[in-house]
Amino acid sequence: FVFYNPITTAVFKYPVFIQRVDYAP
């Protein structure tokens, strides 16, 4: 649980589970 002031502070989230990317050739 993260409490913050949205005027001066922000919270950004990154997933840490495996990501799979199929790139165009």
mmCIF file of all heavy atoms, coordinates in Angstrom:
data_MODEL
# 
_entry.id   MODEL 
# 
loop_
_atom_site.group_PDB 
_atom_site.id 
_atom_site.type_symbol 
_atom_site.label_atom_id 
_atom_site.label_alt_id 
_atom_site.label_comp_id 
_atom_site.label_asym_id 
_atom_site.label_entity_id 
_atom_site.label_seq_id 
_atom_site.pdbx_PDB_ins_code 
_atom_site.Cartn_x 
_atom_site.Cartn_y 
_atom_site.Cartn_z 
_atom_site.occupancy 
_atom_site.B_iso_or_equiv 
_atom_site.pdbx_formal_charge 
_atom_site.auth_seq_id 
_atom_site.auth_comp_id 
_atom_site.auth_asym_id 
_atom_site.auth_atom_id 
_atom_site.pdbx_PDB_model_num 
ATOM 1   N N   . PHE A 1 1  ? 0.854  -1.192  0.000   1.00 0.00 ? 1  PHE A N   1 
ATOM 2   C CA  . PHE A 1 1  ? 0.000  0.000   0.000   1.00 0.00 ? 1  PHE A CA  1 
ATOM 3   C C   . PHE A 1 1  ? 0.888  1.240   0.000   1.00 0.00 ? 1  PHE A C   1 
ATOM 4   O O   . PHE A 1 1  ? 1.716  1.425   0.902   1.00 0.00 ? 1  PHE A O   1 
ATOM 5   C CB  . PHE A 1 1  ? -0.923 0.014   1.221   1.00 0.00 ? 1  PHE A CB  1 
ATOM 6   C CG  . PHE A 1 1  ? -1.979 -1.050  1.179   1.00 0.00 ? 1  PHE A CG  1 
ATOM 7   C CD1 . PHE A 1 1  ? -1.769 -2.282  1.807   1.00 0.00 ? 1  PHE A CD1 1 
ATOM 8   C CD2 . PHE A 1 1  ? -3.177 -0.832  0.520   1.00 0.00 ? 1  PHE A CD2 1 
ATOM 9   C CE1 . PHE A 1 1  ? -2.752 -3.264  1.767   1.00 0.00 ? 1  PHE A CE1 1 
ATOM 10  C CE2 . PHE A 1 1  ? -4.170 -1.813  0.484   1.00 0.00 ? 1  PHE A CE2 1 
ATOM 11  C CZ  . PHE A 1 1  ? -3.945 -3.035  1.104   1.00 0.00 ? 1  PHE A CZ  1 
ATOM 12  N N   . VAL A 1 2  ? 0.703  2.061   -0.999  1.00 0.00 ? 2  VAL A N   1 
ATOM 13  C CA  . VAL A 1 2  ? 1.541  3.249   -1.144  1.00 0.00 ? 2  VAL A CA  1 
ATOM 14  C C   . VAL A 1 2  ? 0.648  4.487   -1.095  1.00 0.00 ? 2  VAL A C   1 
ATOM 15  O O   . VAL A 1 2  ? -0.268 4.636   -1.920  1.00 0.00 ? 2  VAL A O   1 
ATOM 16  C CB  . VAL A 1 2  ? 2.339  3.218   -2.470  1.00 0.00 ? 2  VAL A CB  1 
ATOM 17  C CG1 . VAL A 1 2  ? 3.218  4.453   -2.584  1.00 0.00 ? 2  VAL A CG1 1 
ATOM 18  C CG2 . VAL A 1 2  ? 3.162  1.947   -2.558  1.00 0.00 ? 2  VAL A CG2 1 
ATOM 19  N N   . PHE A 1 3  ? 0.895  5.387   -0.127  1.00 0.00 ? 3  PHE A N   1 
ATOM 20  C CA  . PHE A 1 3  ? 0.160  6.640   0.005   1.00 0.00 ? 3  PHE A CA  1 
ATOM 21  C C   . PHE A 1 3  ? 1.031  7.772   -0.545  1.00 0.00 ? 3  PHE A C   1 
ATOM 22  O O   . PHE A 1 3  ? 2.242  7.831   -0.270  1.00 0.00 ? 3  PHE A O   1 
ATOM 23  C CB  . PHE A 1 3  ? -0.196 6.905   1.461   1.00 0.00 ? 3  PHE A CB  1 
ATOM 24  C CG  . PHE A 1 3  ? -1.115 5.877   2.052   1.00 0.00 ? 3  PHE A CG  1 
ATOM 25  C CD1 . PHE A 1 3  ? -0.600 4.745   2.690   1.00 0.00 ? 3  PHE A CD1 1 
ATOM 26  C CD2 . PHE A 1 3  ? -2.498 6.021   1.966   1.00 0.00 ? 3  PHE A CD2 1 
ATOM 27  C CE1 . PHE A 1 3  ? -1.450 3.791   3.228   1.00 0.00 ? 3  PHE A CE1 1 
ATOM 28  C CE2 . PHE A 1 3  ? -3.346 5.075   2.507   1.00 0.00 ? 3  PHE A CE2 1 
ATOM 29  C CZ  . PHE A 1 3  ? -2.825 3.952   3.129   1.00 0.00 ? 3  PHE A CZ  1 
ATOM 30  N N   . TYR A 1 4  ? 0.428  8.669   -1.294  1.00 0.00 ? 4  TYR A N   1 
ATOM 31  C CA  . TYR A 1 4  ? 1.202  9.752   -1.889  1.00 0.00 ? 4  TYR A CA  1 
ATOM 32  C C   . TYR A 1 4  ? 0.302  10.935  -2.212  1.00 0.00 ? 4  TYR A C   1 
ATOM 33  O O   . TYR A 1 4  ? -0.929 10.812  -2.303  1.00 0.00 ? 4  TYR A O   1 
ATOM 34  C CB  . TYR A 1 4  ? 1.901  9.260   -3.154  1.00 0.00 ? 4  TYR A CB  1 
ATOM 35  C CG  . TYR A 1 4  ? 0.961  8.859   -4.269  1.00 0.00 ? 4  TYR A CG  1 
ATOM 36  C CD1 . TYR A 1 4  ? 0.673  9.739   -5.306  1.00 0.00 ? 4  TYR A CD1 1 
ATOM 37  C CD2 . TYR A 1 4  ? 0.349  7.605   -4.275  1.00 0.00 ? 4  TYR A CD2 1 
ATOM 38  C CE1 . TYR A 1 4  ? -0.200 9.381   -6.324  1.00 0.00 ? 4  TYR A CE1 1 
ATOM 39  C CE2 . TYR A 1 4  ? -0.518 7.236   -5.283  1.00 0.00 ? 4  TYR A CE2 1 
ATOM 40  C CZ  . TYR A 1 4  ? -0.793 8.127   -6.307  1.00 0.00 ? 4  TYR A CZ  1 
ATOM 41  O OH  . TYR A 1 4  ? -1.663 7.767   -7.308  1.00 0.00 ? 4  TYR A OH  1 
ATOM 42  N N   . ASN A 1 5  ? 0.947  12.053  -2.378  1.00 0.00 ? 5  ASN A N   1 
ATOM 43  C CA  . ASN A 1 5  ? 0.261  13.275  -2.758  1.00 0.00 ? 5  ASN A CA  1 
ATOM 44  C C   . ASN A 1 5  ? 0.313  13.389  -4.279  1.00 0.00 ? 5  ASN A C   1 
ATOM 45  O O   . ASN A 1 5  ? 1.395  13.579  -4.846  1.00 0.00 ? 5  ASN A O   1 
ATOM 46  C CB  . ASN A 1 5  ? 0.949  14.485  -2.107  1.00 0.00 ? 5  ASN A CB  1 
ATOM 47  C CG  . ASN A 1 5  ? 0.252  15.791  -2.437  1.00 0.00 ? 5  ASN A CG  1 
ATOM 48  O OD1 . ASN A 1 5  ? -0.586 15.883  -3.343  1.00 0.00 ? 5  ASN A OD1 1 
ATOM 49  N ND2 . ASN A 1 5  ? 0.600  16.837  -1.692  1.00 0.00 ? 5  ASN A ND2 1 
ATOM 50  N N   . PRO A 1 6  ? -0.812 13.277  -4.968  1.00 0.00 ? 6  PRO A N   1 
ATOM 51  C CA  . PRO A 1 6  ? -0.798 13.262  -6.432  1.00 0.00 ? 6  PRO A CA  1 
ATOM 52  C C   . PRO A 1 6  ? -0.390 14.584  -7.059  1.00 0.00 ? 6  PRO A C   1 
ATOM 53  O O   . PRO A 1 6  ? -0.077 14.642  -8.243  1.00 0.00 ? 6  PRO A O   1 
ATOM 54  C CB  . PRO A 1 6  ? -2.240 12.902  -6.793  1.00 0.00 ? 6  PRO A CB  1 
ATOM 55  C CG  . PRO A 1 6  ? -3.041 13.381  -5.629  1.00 0.00 ? 6  PRO A CG  1 
ATOM 56  C CD  . PRO A 1 6  ? -2.178 13.175  -4.423  1.00 0.00 ? 6  PRO A CD  1 
ATOM 57  N N   . ILE A 1 7  ? -0.382 15.659  -6.258  1.00 0.00 ? 7  ILE A N   1 
ATOM 58  C CA  . ILE A 1 7  ? 0.019  16.953  -6.813  1.00 0.00 ? 7  ILE A CA  1 
ATOM 59  C C   . ILE A 1 7  ? 1.528  17.035  -6.962  1.00 0.00 ? 7  ILE A C   1 
ATOM 60  O O   . ILE A 1 7  ? 2.044  17.506  -7.973  1.00 0.00 ? 7  ILE A O   1 
ATOM 61  C CB  . ILE A 1 7  ? -0.498 18.094  -5.909  1.00 0.00 ? 7  ILE A CB  1 
ATOM 62  C CG1 . ILE A 1 7  ? -2.028 18.082  -5.869  1.00 0.00 ? 7  ILE A CG1 1 
ATOM 63  C CG2 . ILE A 1 7  ? 0.011  19.449  -6.400  1.00 0.00 ? 7  ILE A CG2 1 
ATOM 64  C CD1 . ILE A 1 7  ? -2.610 19.127  -4.937  1.00 0.00 ? 7  ILE A CD1 1 
ATOM 65  N N   . THR A 1 8  ? 2.248  16.511  -5.978  1.00 0.00 ? 8  THR A N   1 
ATOM 66  C CA  . THR A 1 8  ? 3.702  16.626  -5.988  1.00 0.00 ? 8  THR A CA  1 
ATOM 67  C C   . THR A 1 8  ? 4.425  15.299  -6.236  1.00 0.00 ? 8  THR A C   1 
ATOM 68  O O   . THR A 1 8  ? 5.622  15.293  -6.487  1.00 0.00 ? 8  THR A O   1 
ATOM 69  C CB  . THR A 1 8  ? 4.180  17.182  -4.636  1.00 0.00 ? 8  THR A CB  1 
ATOM 70  O OG1 . THR A 1 8  ? 3.782  16.285  -3.584  1.00 0.00 ? 8  THR A OG1 1 
ATOM 71  C CG2 . THR A 1 8  ? 3.599  18.562  -4.391  1.00 0.00 ? 8  THR A CG2 1 
ATOM 72  N N   . THR A 1 9  ? 3.674  14.205  -6.135  1.00 0.00 ? 9  THR A N   1 
ATOM 73  C CA  . THR A 1 9  ? 4.308  12.880  -6.205  1.00 0.00 ? 9  THR A CA  1 
ATOM 74  C C   . THR A 1 9  ? 3.523  11.986  -7.164  1.00 0.00 ? 9  THR A C   1 
ATOM 75  O O   . THR A 1 9  ? 2.314  12.156  -7.346  1.00 0.00 ? 9  THR A O   1 
ATOM 76  C CB  . THR A 1 9  ? 4.357  12.219  -4.810  1.00 0.00 ? 9  THR A CB  1 
ATOM 77  O OG1 . THR A 1 9  ? 4.924  13.144  -3.880  1.00 0.00 ? 9  THR A OG1 1 
ATOM 78  C CG2 . THR A 1 9  ? 5.185  10.948  -4.831  1.00 0.00 ? 9  THR A CG2 1 
ATOM 79  N N   . ALA A 1 10 ? 4.227  11.029  -7.755  1.00 0.00 ? 10 ALA A N   1 
ATOM 80  C CA  . ALA A 1 10 ? 3.582  10.051  -8.644  1.00 0.00 ? 10 ALA A CA  1 
ATOM 81  C C   . ALA A 1 10 ? 4.181  8.674   -8.393  1.00 0.00 ? 10 ALA A C   1 
ATOM 82  O O   . ALA A 1 10 ? 5.301  8.549   -7.880  1.00 0.00 ? 10 ALA A O   1 
ATOM 83  C CB  . ALA A 1 10 ? 3.756  10.458  -10.101 1.00 0.00 ? 10 ALA A CB  1 
ATOM 84  N N   . VAL A 1 11 ? 3.425  7.662   -8.741  1.00 0.00 ? 11 VAL A N   1 
ATOM 85  C CA  . VAL A 1 11 ? 3.886  6.268   -8.612  1.00 0.00 ? 11 VAL A CA  1 
ATOM 86  C C   . VAL A 1 11 ? 3.756  5.592   -9.966  1.00 0.00 ? 11 VAL A C   1 
ATOM 87  O O   . VAL A 1 11 ? 2.662  5.570   -10.555 1.00 0.00 ? 11 VAL A O   1 
ATOM 88  C CB  . VAL A 1 11 ? 3.081  5.506   -7.546  1.00 0.00 ? 11 VAL A CB  1 
ATOM 89  C CG1 . VAL A 1 11 ? 3.529  4.043   -7.497  1.00 0.00 ? 11 VAL A CG1 1 
ATOM 90  C CG2 . VAL A 1 11 ? 3.235  6.158   -6.181  1.00 0.00 ? 11 VAL A CG2 1 
ATOM 91  N N   . PHE A 1 12 ? 4.855  5.067   -10.452 1.00 0.00 ? 12 PHE A N   1 
ATOM 92  C CA  . PHE A 1 12 ? 4.877  4.354   -11.735 1.00 0.00 ? 12 PHE A CA  1 
ATOM 93  C C   . PHE A 1 12 ? 5.121  2.874   -11.453 1.00 0.00 ? 12 PHE A C   1 
ATOM 94  O O   . PHE A 1 12 ? 5.912  2.533   -10.571 1.00 0.00 ? 12 PHE A O   1 
ATOM 95  C CB  . PHE A 1 12 ? 5.991  4.919   -12.621 1.00 0.00 ? 12 PHE A CB  1 
ATOM 96  C CG  . PHE A 1 12 ? 5.908  4.485   -14.056 1.00 0.00 ? 12 PHE A CG  1 
ATOM 97  C CD1 . PHE A 1 12 ? 5.181  5.226   -14.979 1.00 0.00 ? 12 PHE A CD1 1 
ATOM 98  C CD2 . PHE A 1 12 ? 6.546  3.340   -14.491 1.00 0.00 ? 12 PHE A CD2 1 
ATOM 99  C CE1 . PHE A 1 12 ? 5.097  4.843   -16.298 1.00 0.00 ? 12 PHE A CE1 1 
ATOM 100 C CE2 . PHE A 1 12 ? 6.465  2.936   -15.807 1.00 0.00 ? 12 PHE A CE2 1 
ATOM 101 C CZ  . PHE A 1 12 ? 5.740  3.688   -16.719 1.00 0.00 ? 12 PHE A CZ  1 
ATOM 102 N N   . LYS A 1 13 ? 4.460  1.997   -12.211 1.00 0.00 ? 13 LYS A N   1 
ATOM 103 C CA  . LYS A 1 13 ? 4.573  0.557   -11.953 1.00 0.00 ? 13 LYS A CA  1 
ATOM 104 C C   . LYS A 1 13 ? 5.173  -0.165  -13.166 1.00 0.00 ? 13 LYS A C   1 
ATOM 105 O O   . LYS A 1 13 ? 4.829  0.133   -14.307 1.00 0.00 ? 13 LYS A O   1 
ATOM 106 C CB  . LYS A 1 13 ? 3.201  -0.043  -11.652 1.00 0.00 ? 13 LYS A CB  1 
ATOM 107 C CG  . LYS A 1 13 ? 2.528  0.535   -10.411 1.00 0.00 ? 13 LYS A CG  1 
ATOM 108 C CD  . LYS A 1 13 ? 1.158  -0.090  -10.211 1.00 0.00 ? 13 LYS A CD  1 
ATOM 109 C CE  . LYS A 1 13 ? 0.438  0.540   -9.030  1.00 0.00 ? 13 LYS A CE  1 
ATOM 110 N NZ  . LYS A 1 13 ? -0.917 -0.055  -8.823  1.00 0.00 ? 13 LYS A NZ  1 
ATOM 111 N N   . TYR A 1 14 ? 6.064  -1.110  -12.853 1.00 0.00 ? 14 TYR A N   1 
ATOM 112 C CA  . TYR A 1 14 ? 6.630  -1.997  -13.866 1.00 0.00 ? 14 TYR A CA  1 
ATOM 113 C C   . TYR A 1 14 ? 6.267  -3.443  -13.527 1.00 0.00 ? 14 TYR A C   1 
ATOM 114 O O   . TYR A 1 14 ? 6.460  -3.870  -12.388 1.00 0.00 ? 14 TYR A O   1 
ATOM 115 C CB  . TYR A 1 14 ? 8.156  -1.907  -13.903 1.00 0.00 ? 14 TYR A CB  1 
ATOM 116 C CG  . TYR A 1 14 ? 8.722  -0.745  -14.680 1.00 0.00 ? 14 TYR A CG  1 
ATOM 117 C CD1 . TYR A 1 14 ? 9.753  0.020   -14.145 1.00 0.00 ? 14 TYR A CD1 1 
ATOM 118 C CD2 . TYR A 1 14 ? 8.255  -0.448  -15.962 1.00 0.00 ? 14 TYR A CD2 1 
ATOM 119 C CE1 . TYR A 1 14 ? 10.294 1.072   -14.861 1.00 0.00 ? 14 TYR A CE1 1 
ATOM 120 C CE2 . TYR A 1 14 ? 8.790  0.605   -16.676 1.00 0.00 ? 14 TYR A CE2 1 
ATOM 121 C CZ  . TYR A 1 14 ? 9.809  1.356   -16.123 1.00 0.00 ? 14 TYR A CZ  1 
ATOM 122 O OH  . TYR A 1 14 ? 10.337 2.401   -16.837 1.00 0.00 ? 14 TYR A OH  1 
ATOM 123 N N   . PRO A 1 15 ? 5.794  -4.231  -14.483 1.00 0.00 ? 15 PRO A N   1 
ATOM 124 C CA  . PRO A 1 15 ? 5.630  -5.673  -14.219 1.00 0.00 ? 15 PRO A CA  1 
ATOM 125 C C   . PRO A 1 15 ? 7.000  -6.351  -14.170 1.00 0.00 ? 15 PRO A C   1 
ATOM 126 O O   . PRO A 1 15 ? 7.920  -5.983  -14.916 1.00 0.00 ? 15 PRO A O   1 
ATOM 127 C CB  . PRO A 1 15 ? 4.818  -6.169  -15.414 1.00 0.00 ? 15 PRO A CB  1 
ATOM 128 C CG  . PRO A 1 15 ? 5.125  -5.191  -16.507 1.00 0.00 ? 15 PRO A CG  1 
ATOM 129 C CD  . PRO A 1 15 ? 5.346  -3.871  -15.844 1.00 0.00 ? 15 PRO A CD  1 
ATOM 130 N N   . VAL A 1 16 ? 7.151  -7.312  -13.277 1.00 0.00 ? 16 VAL A N   1 
ATOM 131 C CA  . VAL A 1 16 ? 8.430  -8.012  -13.149 1.00 0.00 ? 16 VAL A CA  1 
ATOM 132 C C   . VAL A 1 16 ? 8.305  -9.487  -13.552 1.00 0.00 ? 16 VAL A C   1 
ATOM 133 O O   . VAL A 1 16 ? 9.243  -10.254 -13.349 1.00 0.00 ? 16 VAL A O   1 
ATOM 134 C CB  . VAL A 1 16 ? 8.986  -7.895  -11.713 1.00 0.00 ? 16 VAL A CB  1 
ATOM 135 C CG1 . VAL A 1 16 ? 9.429  -6.475  -11.434 1.00 0.00 ? 16 VAL A CG1 1 
ATOM 136 C CG2 . VAL A 1 16 ? 7.971  -8.377  -10.686 1.00 0.00 ? 16 VAL A CG2 1 
ATOM 137 N N   . PHE A 1 17 ? 7.155  -9.867  -14.087 1.00 0.00 ? 17 PHE A N   1 
ATOM 138 C CA  . PHE A 1 17 ? 7.035  -11.230 -14.620 1.00 0.00 ? 17 PHE A CA  1 
ATOM 139 C C   . PHE A 1 17 ? 7.529  -11.237 -16.071 1.00 0.00 ? 17 PHE A C   1 
ATOM 140 O O   . PHE A 1 17 ? 7.785  -10.178 -16.669 1.00 0.00 ? 17 PHE A O   1 
ATOM 141 C CB  . PHE A 1 17 ? 5.596  -11.750 -14.522 1.00 0.00 ? 17 PHE A CB  1 
ATOM 142 C CG  . PHE A 1 17 ? 4.563  -10.804 -15.069 1.00 0.00 ? 17 PHE A CG  1 
ATOM 143 C CD1 . PHE A 1 17 ? 4.218  -10.805 -16.410 1.00 0.00 ? 17 PHE A CD1 1 
ATOM 144 C CD2 . PHE A 1 17 ? 3.918  -9.892  -14.221 1.00 0.00 ? 17 PHE A CD2 1 
ATOM 145 C CE1 . PHE A 1 17 ? 3.267  -9.949  -16.917 1.00 0.00 ? 17 PHE A CE1 1 
ATOM 146 C CE2 . PHE A 1 17 ? 2.954  -9.027  -14.714 1.00 0.00 ? 17 PHE A CE2 1 
ATOM 147 C CZ  . PHE A 1 17 ? 2.630  -9.042  -16.061 1.00 0.00 ? 17 PHE A CZ  1 
ATOM 148 N N   . ILE A 1 18 ? 7.682  -12.421 -16.654 1.00 0.00 ? 18 ILE A N   1 
ATOM 149 C CA  . ILE A 1 18 ? 8.297  -12.568 -17.970 1.00 0.00 ? 18 ILE A CA  1 
ATOM 150 C C   . ILE A 1 18 ? 7.423  -11.932 -19.050 1.00 0.00 ? 18 ILE A C   1 
ATOM 151 O O   . ILE A 1 18 ? 6.219  -12.178 -19.119 1.00 0.00 ? 18 ILE A O   1 
ATOM 152 C CB  . ILE A 1 18 ? 8.554  -14.053 -18.292 1.00 0.00 ? 18 ILE A CB  1 
ATOM 153 C CG1 . ILE A 1 18 ? 9.642  -14.610 -17.349 1.00 0.00 ? 18 ILE A CG1 1 
ATOM 154 C CG2 . ILE A 1 18 ? 8.991  -14.238 -19.748 1.00 0.00 ? 18 ILE A CG2 1 
ATOM 155 C CD1 . ILE A 1 18 ? 9.921  -16.070 -17.531 1.00 0.00 ? 18 ILE A CD1 1 
ATOM 156 N N   . GLN A 1 19 ? 8.056  -11.121 -19.877 1.00 0.00 ? 19 GLN A N   1 
ATOM 157 C CA  . GLN A 1 19 ? 7.411  -10.482 -21.020 1.00 0.00 ? 19 GLN A CA  1 
ATOM 158 C C   . GLN A 1 19 ? 7.890  -11.168 -22.300 1.00 0.00 ? 19 GLN A C   1 
ATOM 159 O O   . GLN A 1 19 ? 9.058  -11.542 -22.406 1.00 0.00 ? 19 GLN A O   1 
ATOM 160 C CB  . GLN A 1 19 ? 7.762  -8.992  -21.082 1.00 0.00 ? 19 GLN A CB  1 
ATOM 161 C CG  . GLN A 1 19 ? 7.520  -8.242  -19.781 1.00 0.00 ? 19 GLN A CG  1 
ATOM 162 C CD  . GLN A 1 19 ? 6.049  -8.136  -19.456 1.00 0.00 ? 19 GLN A CD  1 
ATOM 163 O OE1 . GLN A 1 19 ? 5.249  -7.712  -20.292 1.00 0.00 ? 19 GLN A OE1 1 
ATOM 164 N NE2 . GLN A 1 19 ? 5.675  -8.515  -18.239 1.00 0.00 ? 19 GLN A NE2 1 
ATOM 165 N N   . ARG A 1 20 ? 7.004  -11.320 -23.245 1.00 0.00 ? 20 ARG A N   1 
ATOM 166 C CA  . ARG A 1 20 ? 7.348  -11.981 -24.509 1.00 0.00 ? 20 ARG A CA  1 
ATOM 167 C C   . ARG A 1 20 ? 7.019  -11.032 -25.661 1.00 0.00 ? 20 ARG A C   1 
ATOM 168 O O   . ARG A 1 20 ? 5.891  -10.535 -25.757 1.00 0.00 ? 20 ARG A O   1 
ATOM 169 C CB  . ARG A 1 20 ? 6.589  -13.293 -24.657 1.00 0.00 ? 20 ARG A CB  1 
ATOM 170 C CG  . ARG A 1 20 ? 7.008  -14.128 -25.868 1.00 0.00 ? 20 ARG A CG  1 
ATOM 171 C CD  . ARG A 1 20 ? 6.230  -15.438 -25.877 1.00 0.00 ? 20 ARG A CD  1 
ATOM 172 N NE  . ARG A 1 20 ? 6.606  -16.282 -26.986 1.00 0.00 ? 20 ARG A NE  1 
ATOM 173 C CZ  . ARG A 1 20 ? 7.623  -17.115 -26.982 1.00 0.00 ? 20 ARG A CZ  1 
ATOM 174 N NH1 . ARG A 1 20 ? 8.374  -17.217 -25.901 1.00 0.00 ? 20 ARG A NH1 1 
ATOM 175 N NH2 . ARG A 1 20 ? 7.903  -17.862 -28.029 1.00 0.00 ? 20 ARG A NH2 1 
ATOM 176 N N   . VAL A 1 21 ? 8.008  -10.816 -26.537 1.00 0.00 ? 21 VAL A N   1 
ATOM 177 C CA  . VAL A 1 21 ? 7.839  -9.874  -27.642 1.00 0.00 ? 21 VAL A CA  1 
ATOM 178 C C   . VAL A 1 21 ? 8.181  -10.577 -28.950 1.00 0.00 ? 21 VAL A C   1 
ATOM 179 O O   . VAL A 1 21 ? 9.269  -11.147 -29.097 1.00 0.00 ? 21 VAL A O   1 
ATOM 180 C CB  . VAL A 1 21 ? 8.755  -8.646  -27.479 1.00 0.00 ? 21 VAL A CB  1 
ATOM 181 C CG1 . VAL A 1 21 ? 8.400  -7.578  -28.514 1.00 0.00 ? 21 VAL A CG1 1 
ATOM 182 C CG2 . VAL A 1 21 ? 8.673  -8.090  -26.073 1.00 0.00 ? 21 VAL A CG2 1 
ATOM 183 N N   . ASP A 1 22 ? 7.242  -10.532 -29.893 1.00 0.00 ? 22 ASP A N   1 
ATOM 184 C CA  . ASP A 1 22 ? 7.459  -11.085 -31.236 1.00 0.00 ? 22 ASP A CA  1 
ATOM 185 C C   . ASP A 1 22 ? 7.670  -9.909  -32.188 1.00 0.00 ? 22 ASP A C   1 
ATOM 186 O O   . ASP A 1 22 ? 6.725  -9.225  -32.573 1.00 0.00 ? 22 ASP A O   1 
ATOM 187 C CB  . ASP A 1 22 ? 6.254  -11.926 -31.666 1.00 0.00 ? 22 ASP A CB  1 
ATOM 188 C CG  . ASP A 1 22 ? 6.499  -12.680 -32.964 1.00 0.00 ? 22 ASP A CG  1 
ATOM 189 O OD1 . ASP A 1 22 ? 7.562  -12.467 -33.589 1.00 0.00 ? 22 ASP A OD1 1 
ATOM 190 O OD2 . ASP A 1 22 ? 5.624  -13.475 -33.361 1.00 0.00 ? 22 ASP A OD2 1 
ATOM 191 N N   . TYR A 1 23 ? 8.920  -9.665  -32.538 1.00 0.00 ? 23 TYR A N   1 
ATOM 192 C CA  . TYR A 1 23 ? 9.244  -8.502  -33.361 1.00 0.00 ? 23 TYR A CA  1 
ATOM 193 C C   . TYR A 1 23 ? 8.955  -8.766  -34.840 1.00 0.00 ? 23 TYR A C   1 
ATOM 194 O O   . TYR A 1 23 ? 8.989  -9.910  -35.303 1.00 0.00 ? 23 TYR A O   1 
ATOM 195 C CB  . TYR A 1 23 ? 10.723 -8.142  -33.203 1.00 0.00 ? 23 TYR A CB  1 
ATOM 196 C CG  . TYR A 1 23 ? 11.056 -7.513  -31.871 1.00 0.00 ? 23 TYR A CG  1 
ATOM 197 C CD1 . TYR A 1 23 ? 11.572 -8.281  -30.825 1.00 0.00 ? 23 TYR A CD1 1 
ATOM 198 C CD2 . TYR A 1 23 ? 10.846 -6.164  -31.653 1.00 0.00 ? 23 TYR A CD2 1 
ATOM 199 C CE1 . TYR A 1 23 ? 11.871 -7.706  -29.599 1.00 0.00 ? 23 TYR A CE1 1 
ATOM 200 C CE2 . TYR A 1 23 ? 11.140 -5.576  -30.429 1.00 0.00 ? 23 TYR A CE2 1 
ATOM 201 C CZ  . TYR A 1 23 ? 11.656 -6.352  -29.404 1.00 0.00 ? 23 TYR A CZ  1 
ATOM 202 O OH  . TYR A 1 23 ? 11.940 -5.785  -28.195 1.00 0.00 ? 23 TYR A OH  1 
ATOM 203 N N   . ALA A 1 24 ? 8.693  -7.688  -35.546 1.00 0.00 ? 24 ALA A N   1 
ATOM 204 C CA  . ALA A 1 24 ? 8.536  -7.784  -36.996 1.00 0.00 ? 24 ALA A CA  1 
ATOM 205 C C   . ALA A 1 24 ? 9.890  -8.106  -37.623 1.00 0.00 ? 24 ALA A C   1 
ATOM 206 O O   . ALA A 1 24 ? 10.936 -7.678  -37.116 1.00 0.00 ? 24 ALA A O   1 
ATOM 207 C CB  . ALA A 1 24 ? 7.990  -6.476  -37.554 1.00 0.00 ? 24 ALA A CB  1 
ATOM 208 N N   . PRO A 1 25 ? 9.917  -8.878  -38.703 1.00 0.00 ? 25 PRO A N   1 
ATOM 209 C CA  . PRO A 1 25 ? 11.188 -9.243  -39.326 1.00 0.00 ? 25 PRO A CA  1 
ATOM 210 C C   . PRO A 1 25 ? 11.947 -8.018  -39.838 1.00 0.00 ? 25 PRO A C   1 
ATOM 211 O O   . PRO A 1 25 ? 11.352 -7.006  -40.208 1.00 0.00 ? 25 PRO A O   1 
ATOM 212 C CB  . PRO A 1 25 ? 10.762 -10.151 -40.488 1.00 0.00 ? 25 PRO A CB  1 
ATOM 213 C CG  . PRO A 1 25 ? 9.392  -10.633 -40.139 1.00 0.00 ? 25 PRO A CG  1 
ATOM 214 C CD  . PRO A 1 25 ? 8.760  -9.508  -39.371 1.00 0.00 ? 25 PRO A CD  1 
# 
